[in-house]
Amino acid sequence: MQASACHIYKVIGYYLGIMTAPILFALEEFPQLGAVVEKGIDNPANIEIALDYLAKSNGIQRTRDLARKHANLAAKAIKSLPECEDVNVRRSRRALLDLTHIVLTRTR
């Protein structure tokens, strides 16, 4: 599968046979989307329908909000760890904090 095809599948919320958060949130708003997902997304028409529902829903924004919430919780937990003078521990701690930012700002 090409990278762009993988990205489309992930965007519509169905990746490696697992529904992702955006589609689950969109299903709450548009239960009829379930029938489209059940038919499968191998058909380009179903992909278009799923993308339309996703665009009308708050699924992507709710997913971003959920990611932000968990990234903030992770950063808070990391910051609560005891300080250490060991340079490797400090680098690791910084890398973990950076990762919480990267997860929120990545585009793919």
PDB file of N, CA and C in Angstrom:
ATOM      1  N   MET A   1       0.852  -1.181   0.000  1.00  0.00           N
ATOM      2  CA  MET A   1       0.000   0.000   0.000  1.00  0.00           C
ATOM      3  C   MET A   1       0.891   1.235   0.000  1.00  0.00           C
ATOM      4  N   GLN A   2       0.579   2.207  -0.798  1.00  0.00           N
ATOM      5  CA  GLN A   2       1.348   3.441  -0.875  1.00  0.00           C
ATOM      6  C   GLN A   2       1.151   4.263   0.390  1.00  0.00           C
ATOM      7  N   ALA A   3       2.100   5.145   0.640  1.00  0.00           N
ATOM      8  CA  ALA A   3       2.003   6.004   1.827  1.00  0.00           C
ATOM      9  C   ALA A   3       0.741   6.841   1.786  1.00  0.00           C
ATOM     10  N   SER A   4       0.391   7.368   0.618  1.00  0.00           N
ATOM     11  CA  SER A   4      -0.801   8.209   0.532  1.00  0.00           C
ATOM     12  C   SER A   4      -2.059   7.401   0.820  1.00  0.00           C
ATOM     13  N   ALA A   5      -2.097   6.160   0.363  1.00  0.00           N
ATOM     14  CA  ALA A   5      -3.253   5.306   0.640  1.00  0.00           C
ATOM     15  C   ALA A   5      -3.335   5.008   2.130  1.00  0.00           C
ATOM     16  N   CYS A   6      -2.199   4.729   2.754  1.00  0.00           N
ATOM     17  CA  CYS A   6      -2.180   4.499   4.204  1.00  0.00           C
ATOM     18  C   CYS A   6      -2.705   5.719   4.939  1.00  0.00           C
ATOM     19  N   HIS A   7      -2.283   6.890   4.472  1.00  0.00           N
ATOM     20  CA  HIS A   7      -2.718   8.133   5.109  1.00  0.00           C
ATOM     21  C   HIS A   7      -4.231   8.308   4.977  1.00  0.00           C
ATOM     22  N   ILE A   8      -4.784   8.009   3.805  1.00  0.00           N
ATOM     23  CA  ILE A   8      -6.239   8.140   3.601  1.00  0.00           C
ATOM     24  C   ILE A   8      -6.974   7.206   4.549  1.00  0.00           C
ATOM     25  N   TYR A   9      -6.524   5.955   4.638  1.00  0.00           N
ATOM     26  CA  TYR A   9      -7.184   5.003   5.528  1.00  0.00           C
ATOM     27  C   TYR A   9      -7.128   5.488   6.967  1.00  0.00           C
ATOM     28  N   LYS A  10      -5.985   6.014   7.366  1.00  0.00           N
ATOM     29  CA  LYS A  10      -5.857   6.503   8.735  1.00  0.00           C
ATOM     30  C   LYS A  10      -6.735   7.727   8.958  1.00  0.00           C
ATOM     31  N   VAL A  11      -6.785   8.618   7.967  1.00  0.00           N
ATOM     32  CA  VAL A  11      -7.606   9.822   8.098  1.00  0.00           C
ATOM     33  C   VAL A  11      -9.079   9.464   8.277  1.00  0.00           C
ATOM     34  N   ILE A  12      -9.547   8.492   7.506  1.00  0.00           N
ATOM     35  CA  ILE A  12     -10.966   8.160   7.648  1.00  0.00           C
ATOM     36  C   ILE A  12     -11.226   7.325   8.888  1.00  0.00           C
ATOM     37  N   GLY A  13     -10.160   6.967   9.576  1.00  0.00           N
ATOM     38  CA  GLY A  13     -10.344   6.334  10.869  1.00  0.00           C
ATOM     39  C   GLY A  13     -10.379   4.838  10.847  1.00  0.00           C
ATOM     40  N   TYR A  14      -9.820   4.241   9.842  1.00  0.00           N
ATOM     41  CA  TYR A  14      -9.820   2.792   9.758  1.00  0.00           C
ATOM     42  C   TYR A  14      -8.432   2.380   9.324  1.00  0.00           C
ATOM     43  N   TYR A  15      -7.636   1.945  10.260  1.00  0.00           N
ATOM     44  CA  TYR A  15      -6.237   1.679   9.985  1.00  0.00           C
ATOM     45  C   TYR A  15      -5.885   0.285  10.476  1.00  0.00           C
ATOM     46  N   LEU A  16      -5.367  -0.526   9.569  1.00  0.00           N
ATOM     47  CA  LEU A  16      -5.009  -1.909   9.884  1.00  0.00           C
ATOM     48  C   LEU A  16      -6.180  -2.680  10.484  1.00  0.00           C
ATOM     49  N   GLY A  17      -7.379  -2.389   9.980  1.00  0.00           N
ATOM     50  CA  GLY A  17      -8.571  -3.102  10.431  1.00  0.00           C
ATOM     51  C   GLY A  17      -9.129  -2.626  11.753  1.00  0.00           C
ATOM     52  N   ILE A  18      -8.597  -1.548  12.280  1.00  0.00           N
ATOM     53  CA  ILE A  18      -9.042  -1.025  13.573  1.00  0.00           C
ATOM     54  C   ILE A  18      -9.574   0.391  13.376  1.00  0.00           C
ATOM     55  N   MET A  19     -10.767   0.648  13.900  1.00  0.00           N
ATOM     56  CA  MET A  19     -11.304   2.014  13.826  1.00  0.00           C
ATOM     57  C   MET A  19     -10.530   2.902  14.779  1.00  0.00           C
ATOM     58  N   THR A  20     -10.151   4.076  14.293  1.00  0.00           N
ATOM     59  CA  THR A  20      -9.404   5.017  15.119  1.00  0.00           C
ATOM     60  C   THR A  20     -10.357   6.047  15.716  1.00  0.00           C
ATOM     61  N   ALA A  21      -9.836   6.863  16.607  1.00  0.00           N
ATOM     62  CA  ALA A  21     -10.660   7.815  17.357  1.00  0.00           C
ATOM     63  C   ALA A  21     -11.520   8.718  16.476  1.00  0.00           C
ATOM     64  N   PRO A  22     -11.011   9.306  15.396  1.00  0.00           N
ATOM     65  CA  PRO A  22     -11.863  10.207  14.614  1.00  0.00           C
ATOM     66  C   PRO A  22     -13.149   9.537  14.126  1.00  0.00           C
ATOM     67  N   ILE A  23     -13.034   8.308  13.655  1.00  0.00           N
ATOM     68  CA  ILE A  23     -14.220   7.621  13.142  1.00  0.00           C
ATOM     69  C   ILE A  23     -15.140   7.216  14.285  1.00  0.00           C
ATOM     70  N   LEU A  24     -14.573   6.841  15.407  1.00  0.00           N
ATOM     71  CA  LEU A  24     -15.415   6.487  16.562  1.00  0.00           C
ATOM     72  C   LEU A  24     -16.211   7.697  17.051  1.00  0.00           C
ATOM     73  N   PHE A  25     -15.569   8.849  17.093  1.00  0.00           N
ATOM     74  CA  PHE A  25     -16.282  10.064  17.488  1.00  0.00           C
ATOM     75  C   PHE A  25     -17.323  10.444  16.437  1.00  0.00           C
ATOM     76  N   ALA A  26     -16.975  10.303  15.162  1.00  0.00           N
ATOM     77  CA  ALA A  26     -17.931  10.620  14.092  1.00  0.00           C
ATOM     78  C   ALA A  26     -19.132   9.682  14.150  1.00  0.00           C
ATOM     79  N   LEU A  27     -18.916   8.435  14.517  1.00  0.00           N
ATOM     80  CA  LEU A  27     -20.018   7.471  14.655  1.00  0.00           C
ATOM     81  C   LEU A  27     -21.015   7.895  15.729  1.00  0.00           C
ATOM     82  N   GLU A  28     -20.518   8.549  16.768  1.00  0.00           N
ATOM     83  CA  GLU A  28     -21.423   9.039  17.814  1.00  0.00           C
ATOM     84  C   GLU A  28     -22.381  10.085  17.245  1.00  0.00           C
ATOM     85  N   GLU A  29     -21.890  10.899  16.331  1.00  0.00           N
ATOM     86  CA  GLU A  29     -22.712  11.948  15.723  1.00  0.00           C
ATOM     87  C   GLU A  29     -23.545  11.424  14.553  1.00  0.00           C
ATOM     88  N   PHE A  30     -22.984  10.488  13.817  1.00  0.00           N
ATOM     89  CA  PHE A  30     -23.643   9.964  12.622  1.00  0.00           C
ATOM     90  C   PHE A  30     -23.620   8.436  12.658  1.00  0.00           C
ATOM     91  N   PRO A  31     -24.555   7.835  13.390  1.00  0.00           N
ATOM     92  CA  PRO A  31     -24.570   6.364  13.499  1.00  0.00           C
ATOM     93  C   PRO A  31     -24.654   5.662  12.145  1.00  0.00           C
ATOM     94  N   GLN A  32     -25.260   6.326  11.149  1.00  0.00           N
ATOM     95  CA  GLN A  32     -25.377   5.723   9.827  1.00  0.00           C
ATOM     96  C   GLN A  32     -24.006   5.495   9.178  1.00  0.00           C
ATOM     97  N   LEU A  33     -22.986   6.141   9.674  1.00  0.00           N
ATOM     98  CA  LEU A  33     -21.631   5.923   9.180  1.00  0.00           C
ATOM     99  C   LEU A  33     -21.204   4.483   9.433  1.00  0.00           C
ATOM    100  N   GLY A  34     -21.763   3.864  10.452  1.00  0.00           N
ATOM    101  CA  GLY A  34     -21.443   2.468  10.767  1.00  0.00           C
ATOM    102  C   GLY A  34     -21.705   1.538   9.601  1.00  0.00           C
ATOM    103  N   ALA A  35     -22.797   1.766   8.884  1.00  0.00           N
ATOM    104  CA  ALA A  35     -23.122   0.928   7.730  1.00  0.00           C
ATOM    105  C   ALA A  35     -22.068   1.064   6.639  1.00  0.00           C
ATOM    106  N   VAL A  36     -21.547   2.260   6.464  1.00  0.00           N
ATOM    107  CA  VAL A  36     -20.506   2.502   5.454  1.00  0.00           C
ATOM    108  C   VAL A  36     -19.238   1.757   5.848  1.00  0.00           C
ATOM    109  N   VAL A  37     -18.869   1.856   7.110  1.00  0.00           N
ATOM    110  CA  VAL A  37     -17.657   1.195   7.595  1.00  0.00           C
ATOM    111  C   VAL A  37     -17.807  -0.320   7.492  1.00  0.00           C
ATOM    112  N   GLU A  38     -18.979  -0.822   7.824  1.00  0.00           N
ATOM    113  CA  GLU A  38     -19.212  -2.266   7.740  1.00  0.00           C
ATOM    114  C   GLU A  38     -19.100  -2.783   6.310  1.00  0.00           C
ATOM    115  N   LYS A  39     -19.498  -1.979   5.331  1.00  0.00           N
ATOM    116  CA  LYS A  39     -19.383  -2.380   3.918  1.00  0.00           C
ATOM    117  C   LYS A  39     -17.919  -2.495   3.504  1.00  0.00           C
ATOM    118  N   GLY A  40     -17.069  -1.783   4.204  1.00  0.00           N
ATOM    119  CA  GLY A  40     -15.648  -1.802   3.884  1.00  0.00           C
ATOM    120  C   GLY A  40     -15.249  -0.543   3.145  1.00  0.00           C
ATOM    121  N   ILE A  41     -13.992  -0.234   3.246  1.00  0.00           N
ATOM    122  CA  ILE A  41     -13.509   0.981   2.610  1.00  0.00           C
ATOM    123  C   ILE A  41     -12.615   0.679   1.417  1.00  0.00           C
ATOM    124  N   ASP A  42     -12.784  -0.516   0.866  1.00  0.00           N
ATOM    125  CA  ASP A  42     -12.052  -0.853  -0.355  1.00  0.00           C
ATOM    126  C   ASP A  42     -12.658  -0.141  -1.559  1.00  0.00           C
ATOM    127  N   ASN A  43     -13.921   0.208  -1.451  1.00  0.00           N
ATOM    128  CA  ASN A  43     -14.630   0.888  -2.526  1.00  0.00           C
ATOM    129  C   ASN A  43     -14.397   2.399  -2.406  1.00  0.00           C
ATOM    130  N   PRO A  44     -13.883   3.054  -3.445  1.00  0.00           N
ATOM    131  CA  PRO A  44     -13.639   4.508  -3.388  1.00  0.00           C
ATOM    132  C   PRO A  44     -14.891   5.314  -3.022  1.00  0.00           C
ATOM    133  N   ALA A  45     -16.062   4.842  -3.417  1.00  0.00           N
ATOM    134  CA  ALA A  45     -17.297   5.555  -3.062  1.00  0.00           C
ATOM    135  C   ALA A  45     -17.500   5.552  -1.554  1.00  0.00           C
ATOM    136  N   ASN A  46     -17.187   4.439  -0.909  1.00  0.00           N
ATOM    137  CA  ASN A  46     -17.319   4.366   0.550  1.00  0.00           C
ATOM    138  C   ASN A  46     -16.313   5.268   1.244  1.00  0.00           C
ATOM    139  N   ILE A  47     -15.131   5.380   0.663  1.00  0.00           N
ATOM    140  CA  ILE A  47     -14.120   6.287   1.224  1.00  0.00           C
ATOM    141  C   ILE A  47     -14.640   7.716   1.174  1.00  0.00           C
ATOM    142  N   GLU A  48     -15.209   8.100   0.052  1.00  0.00           N
ATOM    143  CA  GLU A  48     -15.759   9.460  -0.091  1.00  0.00           C
ATOM    144  C   GLU A  48     -16.880   9.712   0.919  1.00  0.00           C
ATOM    145  N   ILE A  49     -17.752   8.744   1.082  1.00  0.00           N
ATOM    146  CA  ILE A  49     -18.860   8.892   2.040  1.00  0.00           C
ATOM    147  C   ILE A  49     -18.305   9.037   3.452  1.00  0.00           C
ATOM    148  N   ALA A  50     -17.340   8.182   3.800  1.00  0.00           N
ATOM    149  CA  ALA A  50     -16.745   8.247   5.138  1.00  0.00           C
ATOM    150  C   ALA A  50     -16.060   9.588   5.365  1.00  0.00           C
ATOM    151  N   LEU A  51     -15.336  10.071   4.347  1.00  0.00           N
ATOM    152  CA  LEU A  51     -14.669  11.374   4.479  1.00  0.00           C
ATOM    153  C   LEU A  51     -15.688  12.497   4.632  1.00  0.00           C
ATOM    154  N   ASP A  52     -16.809  12.408   3.937  1.00  0.00           N
ATOM    155  CA  ASP A  52     -17.859  13.423   4.078  1.00  0.00           C
ATOM    156  C   ASP A  52     -18.412  13.442   5.499  1.00  0.00           C
ATOM    157  N   TYR A  53     -18.709  12.262   6.033  1.00  0.00           N
ATOM    158  CA  TYR A  53     -19.207  12.203   7.416  1.00  0.00           C
ATOM    159  C   TYR A  53     -18.164  12.740   8.388  1.00  0.00           C
ATOM    160  N   LEU A  54     -16.919  12.351   8.168  1.00  0.00           N
ATOM    161  CA  LEU A  54     -15.858  12.805   9.055  1.00  0.00           C
ATOM    162  C   LEU A  54     -15.712  14.320   9.009  1.00  0.00           C
ATOM    163  N   ALA A  55     -15.825  14.899   7.815  1.00  0.00           N
ATOM    164  CA  ALA A  55     -15.722  16.351   7.664  1.00  0.00           C
ATOM    165  C   ALA A  55     -16.871  17.079   8.362  1.00  0.00           C
ATOM    166  N   LYS A  56     -18.052  16.480   8.373  1.00  0.00           N
ATOM    167  CA  LYS A  56     -19.221  17.096   9.012  1.00  0.00           C
ATOM    168  C   LYS A  56     -19.192  16.944  10.528  1.00  0.00           C
ATOM    169  N   SER A  57     -18.421  15.990  10.999  1.00  0.00           N
ATOM    170  CA  SER A  57     -18.422  15.686  12.432  1.00  0.00           C
ATOM    171  C   SER A  57     -17.367  16.499  13.174  1.00  0.00           C
ATOM    172  N   ASN A  58     -17.350  16.325  14.479  1.00  0.00           N
ATOM    173  CA  ASN A  58     -16.311  16.906  15.329  1.00  0.00           C
ATOM    174  C   ASN A  58     -15.242  15.867  15.664  1.00  0.00           C
ATOM    175  N   GLY A  59     -15.218  14.766  14.905  1.00  0.00           N
ATOM    176  CA  GLY A  59     -14.328  13.655  15.213  1.00  0.00           C
ATOM    177  C   GLY A  59     -12.865  14.019  15.246  1.00  0.00           C
ATOM    178  N   ILE A  60     -12.408  14.782  14.279  1.00  0.00           N
ATOM    179  CA  ILE A  60     -10.983  15.136  14.238  1.00  0.00           C
ATOM    180  C   ILE A  60     -10.641  16.097  15.365  1.00  0.00           C
ATOM    181  N   GLN A  61     -11.489  17.079  15.613  1.00  0.00           N
ATOM    182  CA  GLN A  61     -11.223  18.017  16.707  1.00  0.00           C
ATOM    183  C   GLN A  61     -11.259  17.319  18.060  1.00  0.00           C
ATOM    184  N   ARG A  62     -12.227  16.430  18.237  1.00  0.00           N
ATOM    185  CA  ARG A  62     -12.304  15.689  19.503  1.00  0.00           C
ATOM    186  C   ARG A  62     -11.077  14.807  19.692  1.00  0.00           C
ATOM    187  N   THR A  63     -10.571  14.255  18.604  1.00  0.00           N
ATOM    188  CA  THR A  63      -9.366  13.435  18.679  1.00  0.00           C
ATOM    189  C   THR A  63      -8.169  14.298  19.068  1.00  0.00           C
ATOM    190  N   ARG A  64      -8.069  15.468  18.475  1.00  0.00           N
ATOM    191  CA  ARG A  64      -6.980  16.391  18.849  1.00  0.00           C
ATOM    192  C   ARG A  64      -7.082  16.781  20.318  1.00  0.00           C
ATOM    193  N   ASP A  65      -8.290  17.066  20.765  1.00  0.00           N
ATOM    194  CA  ASP A  65      -8.495  17.433  22.171  1.00  0.00           C
ATOM    195  C   ASP A  65      -8.086  16.289  23.092  1.00  0.00           C
ATOM    196  N   LEU A  66      -8.456  15.077  22.719  1.00  0.00           N
ATOM    197  CA  LEU A  66      -8.109  13.905  23.526  1.00  0.00           C
ATOM    198  C   LEU A  66      -6.592  13.707  23.556  1.00  0.00           C
ATOM    199  N   ALA A  67      -5.950  13.869  22.401  1.00  0.00           N
ATOM    200  CA  ALA A  67      -4.486  13.740  22.345  1.00  0.00           C
ATOM    201  C   ALA A  67      -3.821  14.799  23.208  1.00  0.00           C
ATOM    202  N   ARG A  68      -4.329  16.034  23.140  1.00  0.00           N
ATOM    203  CA  ARG A  68      -3.775  17.127  23.945  1.00  0.00           C
ATOM    204  C   ARG A  68      -3.923  16.809  25.440  1.00  0.00           C
ATOM    205  N   LYS A  69      -5.081  16.314  25.818  1.00  0.00           N
ATOM    206  CA  LYS A  69      -5.319  15.976  27.221  1.00  0.00           C
ATOM    207  C   LYS A  69      -4.307  14.934  27.706  1.00  0.00           C
ATOM    208  N   HIS A  70      -4.111  13.884  26.917  1.00  0.00           N
ATOM    209  CA  HIS A  70      -3.198  12.826  27.342  1.00  0.00           C
ATOM    210  C   HIS A  70      -1.736  13.261  27.266  1.00  0.00           C
ATOM    211  N   ALA A  71      -1.399  14.100  26.304  1.00  0.00           N
ATOM    212  CA  ALA A  71      -0.032  14.629  26.230  1.00  0.00           C
ATOM    213  C   ALA A  71       0.257  15.494  27.452  1.00  0.00           C
ATOM    214  N   ASN A  72      -0.714  16.302  27.857  1.00  0.00           N
ATOM    215  CA  ASN A  72      -0.538  17.136  29.051  1.00  0.00           C
ATOM    216  C   ASN A  72      -0.405  16.289  30.308  1.00  0.00           C
ATOM    217  N   LEU A  73      -1.201  15.226  30.389  1.00  0.00           N
ATOM    218  CA  LEU A  73      -1.090  14.320  31.541  1.00  0.00           C
ATOM    219  C   LEU A  73       0.280  13.640  31.565  1.00  0.00           C
ATOM    220  N   ALA A  74       0.759  13.241  30.393  1.00  0.00           N
ATOM    221  CA  ALA A  74       2.078  12.604  30.311  1.00  0.00           C
ATOM    222  C   ALA A  74       3.173  13.584  30.715  1.00  0.00           C
ATOM    223  N   ALA A  75       3.096  14.813  30.213  1.00  0.00           N
ATOM    224  CA  ALA A  75       4.097  15.820  30.560  1.00  0.00           C
ATOM    225  C   ALA A  75       4.082  16.100  32.063  1.00  0.00           C
ATOM    226  N   LYS A  76       2.898  16.171  32.640  1.00  0.00           N
ATOM    227  CA  LYS A  76       2.788  16.407  34.080  1.00  0.00           C
ATOM    228  C   LYS A  76       3.423  15.255  34.868  1.00  0.00           C
ATOM    229  N   ALA A  77       3.184  14.031  34.414  1.00  0.00           N
ATOM    230  CA  ALA A  77       3.770  12.868  35.090  1.00  0.00           C
ATOM    231  C   ALA A  77       5.291  12.888  34.969  1.00  0.00           C
ATOM    232  N   ILE A  78       5.796  13.230  33.790  1.00  0.00           N
ATOM    233  CA  ILE A  78       7.247  13.291  33.590  1.00  0.00           C
ATOM    234  C   ILE A  78       7.860  14.364  34.489  1.00  0.00           C
ATOM    235  N   LYS A  79       7.203  15.515  34.550  1.00  0.00           N
ATOM    236  CA  LYS A  79       7.724  16.619  35.369  1.00  0.00           C
ATOM    237  C   LYS A  79       7.674  16.300  36.863  1.00  0.00           C
ATOM    238  N   SER A  80       6.807  15.370  37.256  1.00  0.00           N
ATOM    239  CA  SER A  80       6.697  15.024  38.671  1.00  0.00           C
ATOM    240  C   SER A  80       7.789  14.059  39.126  1.00  0.00           C
ATOM    241  N   LEU A  81       8.541  13.511  38.176  1.00  0.00           N
ATOM    242  CA  LEU A  81       9.628  12.606  38.551  1.00  0.00           C
ATOM    243  C   LEU A  81      10.711  13.396  39.272  1.00  0.00           C
ATOM    244  N   PRO A  82      11.398  12.754  40.194  1.00  0.00           N
ATOM    245  CA  PRO A  82      12.451  13.459  40.930  1.00  0.00           C
ATOM    246  C   PRO A  82      13.554  13.950  40.001  1.00  0.00           C
ATOM    247  N   GLU A  83      14.090  15.098  40.324  1.00  0.00           N
ATOM    248  CA  GLU A  83      15.206  15.652  39.560  1.00  0.00           C
ATOM    249  C   GLU A  83      16.422  14.754  39.748  1.00  0.00           C
ATOM    250  N   CYS A  84      17.281  14.751  38.731  1.00  0.00           N
ATOM    251  CA  CYS A  84      18.479  13.926  38.793  1.00  0.00           C
ATOM    252  C   CYS A  84      19.603  14.658  38.072  1.00  0.00           C
ATOM    253  N   GLU A  85      20.809  14.533  38.581  1.00  0.00           N
ATOM    254  CA  GLU A  85      21.952  15.204  37.973  1.00  0.00           C
ATOM    255  C   GLU A  85      22.570  14.393  36.839  1.00  0.00           C
ATOM    256  N   ASP A  86      22.207  13.120  36.733  1.00  0.00           N
ATOM    257  CA  ASP A  86      22.758  12.265  35.684  1.00  0.00           C
ATOM    258  C   ASP A  86      22.358  12.814  34.314  1.00  0.00           C
ATOM    259  N   VAL A  87      23.354  13.068  33.464  1.00  0.00           N
ATOM    260  CA  VAL A  87      23.102  13.686  32.174  1.00  0.00           C
ATOM    261  C   VAL A  87      22.212  12.813  31.293  1.00  0.00           C
ATOM    262  N   ASN A  88      22.356  11.510  31.351  1.00  0.00           N
ATOM    263  CA  ASN A  88      21.529  10.614  30.542  1.00  0.00           C
ATOM    264  C   ASN A  88      20.069  10.626  30.990  1.00  0.00           C
ATOM    265  N   VAL A  89      19.870  10.716  32.272  1.00  0.00           N
ATOM    266  CA  VAL A  89      18.508  10.794  32.802  1.00  0.00           C
ATOM    267  C   VAL A  89      17.872  12.115  32.373  1.00  0.00           C
ATOM    268  N   ARG A  90      18.643  13.190  32.450  1.00  0.00           N
ATOM    269  CA  ARG A  90      18.115  14.501  32.052  1.00  0.00           C
ATOM    270  C   ARG A  90      17.781  14.533  30.564  1.00  0.00           C
ATOM    271  N   ARG A  91      18.636  13.931  29.742  1.00  0.00           N
ATOM    272  CA  ARG A  91      18.361  13.861  28.302  1.00  0.00           C
ATOM    273  C   ARG A  91      17.108  13.035  28.021  1.00  0.00           C
ATOM    274  N   SER A  92      16.995  11.923  28.718  1.00  0.00           N
ATOM    275  CA  SER A  92      15.826  11.057  28.529  1.00  0.00           C
ATOM    276  C   SER A  92      14.546  11.777  28.931  1.00  0.00           C
ATOM    277  N   ARG A  93      14.626  12.470  30.037  1.00  0.00           N
ATOM    278  CA  ARG A  93      13.461  13.236  30.502  1.00  0.00           C
ATOM    279  C   ARG A  93      13.078  14.303  29.471  1.00  0.00           C
ATOM    280  N   ARG A  94      14.069  15.012  28.944  1.00  0.00           N
ATOM    281  CA  ARG A  94      13.816  16.039  27.928  1.00  0.00           C
ATOM    282  C   ARG A  94      13.217  15.410  26.666  1.00  0.00           C
ATOM    283  N   ALA A  95      13.741  14.245  26.279  1.00  0.00           N
ATOM    284  CA  ALA A  95      13.230  13.562  25.088  1.00  0.00           C
ATOM    285  C   ALA A  95      11.772  13.161  25.276  1.00  0.00           C
ATOM    286  N   LEU A  96      11.424  12.697  26.450  1.00  0.00           N
ATOM    287  CA  LEU A  96      10.033  12.331  26.722  1.00  0.00           C
ATOM    288  C   LEU A  96       9.122  13.561  26.668  1.00  0.00           C
ATOM    289  N   LEU A  97       9.579  14.648  27.239  1.00  0.00           N
ATOM    290  CA  LEU A  97       8.791  15.880  27.171  1.00  0.00           C
ATOM    291  C   LEU A  97       8.649  16.362  25.730  1.00  0.00           C
ATOM    292  N   ASP A  98       9.737  16.278  24.970  1.00  0.00           N
ATOM    293  CA  ASP A  98       9.679  16.658  23.551  1.00  0.00           C
ATOM    294  C   ASP A  98       8.690  15.776  22.795  1.00  0.00           C
ATOM    295  N   LEU A  99       8.673  14.514  23.135  1.00  0.00           N
ATOM    296  CA  LEU A  99       7.762  13.582  22.468  1.00  0.00           C
ATOM    297  C   LEU A  99       6.302  13.965  22.682  1.00  0.00           C
ATOM    298  N   THR A 100       5.974  14.453  23.856  1.00  0.00           N
ATOM    299  CA  THR A 100       4.584  14.877  24.080  1.00  0.00           C
ATOM    300  C   THR A 100       4.216  16.030  23.163  1.00  0.00           C
ATOM    301  N   HIS A 101       5.179  16.869  22.831  1.00  0.00           N
ATOM    302  CA  HIS A 101       4.940  17.981  21.897  1.00  0.00           C
ATOM    303  C   HIS A 101       4.872  17.474  20.451  1.00  0.00           C
ATOM    304  N   ILE A 102       5.766  16.589  20.091  1.00  0.00           N
ATOM    305  CA  ILE A 102       5.816  16.053  18.725  1.00  0.00           C
ATOM    306  C   ILE A 102       4.505  15.349  18.375  1.00  0.00           C
ATOM    307  N   VAL A 103       3.976  14.596  19.298  1.00  0.00           N
ATOM    308  CA  VAL A 103       2.730  13.867  19.046  1.00  0.00           C
ATOM    309  C   VAL A 103       1.597  14.842  18.683  1.00  0.00           C
ATOM    310  N   LEU A 104       1.610  16.003  19.273  1.00  0.00           N
ATOM    311  CA  LEU A 104       0.546  16.979  19.012  1.00  0.00           C
ATOM    312  C   LEU A 104       0.774  17.801  17.756  1.00  0.00           C
ATOM    313  N   THR A 105       2.002  17.930  17.316  1.00  0.00           N
ATOM    314  CA  THR A 105       2.292  18.813  16.203  1.00  0.00           C
ATOM    315  C   THR A 105       2.614  18.086  14.898  1.00  0.00           C
ATOM    316  N   ARG A 106       2.696  16.779  14.940  1.00  0.00           N
ATOM    317  CA  ARG A 106       3.014  16.036  13.715  1.00  0.00           C
ATOM    318  C   ARG A 106       1.874  16.181  12.714  1.00  0.00           C
ATOM    319  N   THR A 107       2.218  16.008  11.461  1.00  0.00           N
ATOM    320  CA  THR A 107       1.195  16.114  10.419  1.00  0.00           C
ATOM    321  C   THR A 107       0.788  14.760   9.871  1.00  0.00           C
ATOM    322  N   ARG A 108       1.509  13.731  10.176  1.00  0.00           N
ATOM    323  CA  ARG A 108       1.146  12.377   9.754  1.00  0.00           C
ATOM    324  C   ARG A 108       1.412  11.399  10.849  1.00  0.00           C
TER     325      ARG A 108
END
